[in-house]
Amino acid sequence: MKLSTRSRYGIRAILDVALHSSHGPVRIQDIAERQEISTRYLEQIFQRLKKAGLLKSRRGPRGGYVLARKPEEIRVAEIIRGIGES
């Protein structure tokens, strides 16, 4: 199976949130920097993942994104579907 760039970025971003959210919400700018993905492109992907129920967001100075469920409960197929690739 060949994945689109959007799907690959979505999977990498979800993994990044899972790895770095132990201290609270993860800022999208930090994810974009670590994963070398455009912040604007990542914002579009995150809106889709949030709508799919995979991410939650928190506003404010200590805001960012967290997973909506435990990492072990999220499947790659759900991420791809959430992004709208299948």
Protein backbone atom coordinates (compact mmCIF):
# COMPACT_ATOMS: atom_id res chain seq x y z
CA MET A 1 0.00 0.00 0.00
CA LYS A 2 1.35 3.39 -0.98
CA LEU A 3 0.53 6.22 1.41
CA SER A 4 0.04 9.83 0.42
CA THR A 5 2.24 12.54 1.88
CA ARG A 6 -0.69 13.79 3.96
CA SER A 7 -1.21 10.31 5.44
CA ARG A 8 2.48 9.87 6.23
CA TYR A 9 2.61 13.29 7.90
CA GLY A 10 -0.56 12.53 9.86
CA ILE A 11 0.87 9.26 11.16
CA ARG A 12 4.16 10.92 12.11
CA ALA A 13 2.33 13.77 13.85
CA ILE A 14 0.07 11.44 15.87
CA LEU A 15 3.15 9.47 16.92
CA ASP A 16 4.88 12.69 17.93
CA VAL A 17 1.90 13.74 20.07
CA ALA A 18 1.85 10.29 21.69
CA LEU A 19 5.56 10.48 22.52
CA HIS A 20 5.61 14.06 23.80
CA SER A 21 2.26 14.61 25.55
CA SER A 22 3.26 13.15 28.92
CA HIS A 23 3.83 16.70 30.23
CA GLY A 24 0.66 18.18 28.77
CA PRO A 25 -0.55 19.39 25.39
CA VAL A 26 1.96 19.50 22.55
CA ARG A 27 2.26 22.70 20.52
CA ILE A 28 1.82 22.34 16.78
CA GLN A 29 4.92 24.48 16.19
CA ASP A 30 7.03 22.00 18.17
CA ILE A 31 5.66 19.05 16.22
CA ALA A 32 6.26 20.83 12.91
CA GLU A 33 9.84 21.59 13.91
CA ARG A 34 10.64 18.07 15.11
CA GLN A 35 8.99 16.40 12.10
CA GLU A 36 10.14 19.01 9.57
CA ILE A 37 6.59 19.62 8.34
CA SER A 38 5.12 22.99 7.45
CA THR A 39 3.09 24.39 10.36
CA ARG A 40 0.28 25.47 8.03
CA TYR A 41 0.07 22.04 6.41
CA LEU A 42 0.11 20.37 9.82
CA GLU A 43 -2.72 22.63 11.00
CA GLN A 44 -4.87 21.40 8.09
CA ILE A 45 -4.08 17.77 8.92
CA PHE A 46 -4.81 18.32 12.62
CA GLN A 47 -8.20 19.85 11.88
CA ARG A 48 -9.16 16.65 10.05
CA LEU A 49 -7.78 14.43 12.82
CA LYS A 50 -9.61 16.48 15.44
CA LYS A 51 -12.86 16.19 13.50
CA ALA A 52 -12.28 12.42 13.25
CA GLY A 53 -12.05 12.25 17.06
CA LEU A 54 -8.38 11.30 17.23
CA LEU A 55 -7.09 14.56 18.72
CA LYS A 56 -8.27 17.10 21.26
CA SER A 57 -7.05 20.66 21.42
CA ARG A 58 -6.61 23.08 24.28
CA ARG A 59 -6.42 26.83 23.80
CA GLY A 60 -4.30 29.32 25.62
CA PRO A 61 -0.67 29.79 26.59
CA ARG A 62 -0.35 26.18 27.77
CA GLY A 63 -2.48 24.88 24.94
CA GLY A 64 -1.78 22.41 22.21
CA TYR A 65 -2.90 18.96 21.15
CA VAL A 66 -3.36 15.68 23.01
CA LEU A 67 -4.64 12.32 21.85
CA ALA A 68 -8.36 11.77 22.32
CA ARG A 69 -7.72 8.13 23.29
CA LYS A 70 -4.85 6.04 24.57
CA PRO A 71 -2.13 5.59 21.92
CA GLU A 72 -2.53 1.82 21.87
CA GLU A 73 -6.20 2.24 20.92
CA ILE A 74 -5.47 4.28 17.78
CA ARG A 75 -4.91 2.34 14.56
CA VAL A 76 -3.04 3.53 11.48
CA ALA A 77 -6.16 2.85 9.38
CA GLU A 78 -8.13 5.28 11.58
CA ILE A 79 -5.54 7.99 10.99
CA ILE A 80 -5.68 7.47 7.23
CA ARG A 81 -9.49 7.51 7.26
CA GLY A 82 -9.51 10.58 9.52
CA ILE A 83 -7.34 12.43 7.07
CA GLY A 84 -9.76 11.49 4.32
CA GLU A 85 -7.46 9.39 2.20
CA SER A 86 -9.56 6.24 1.94
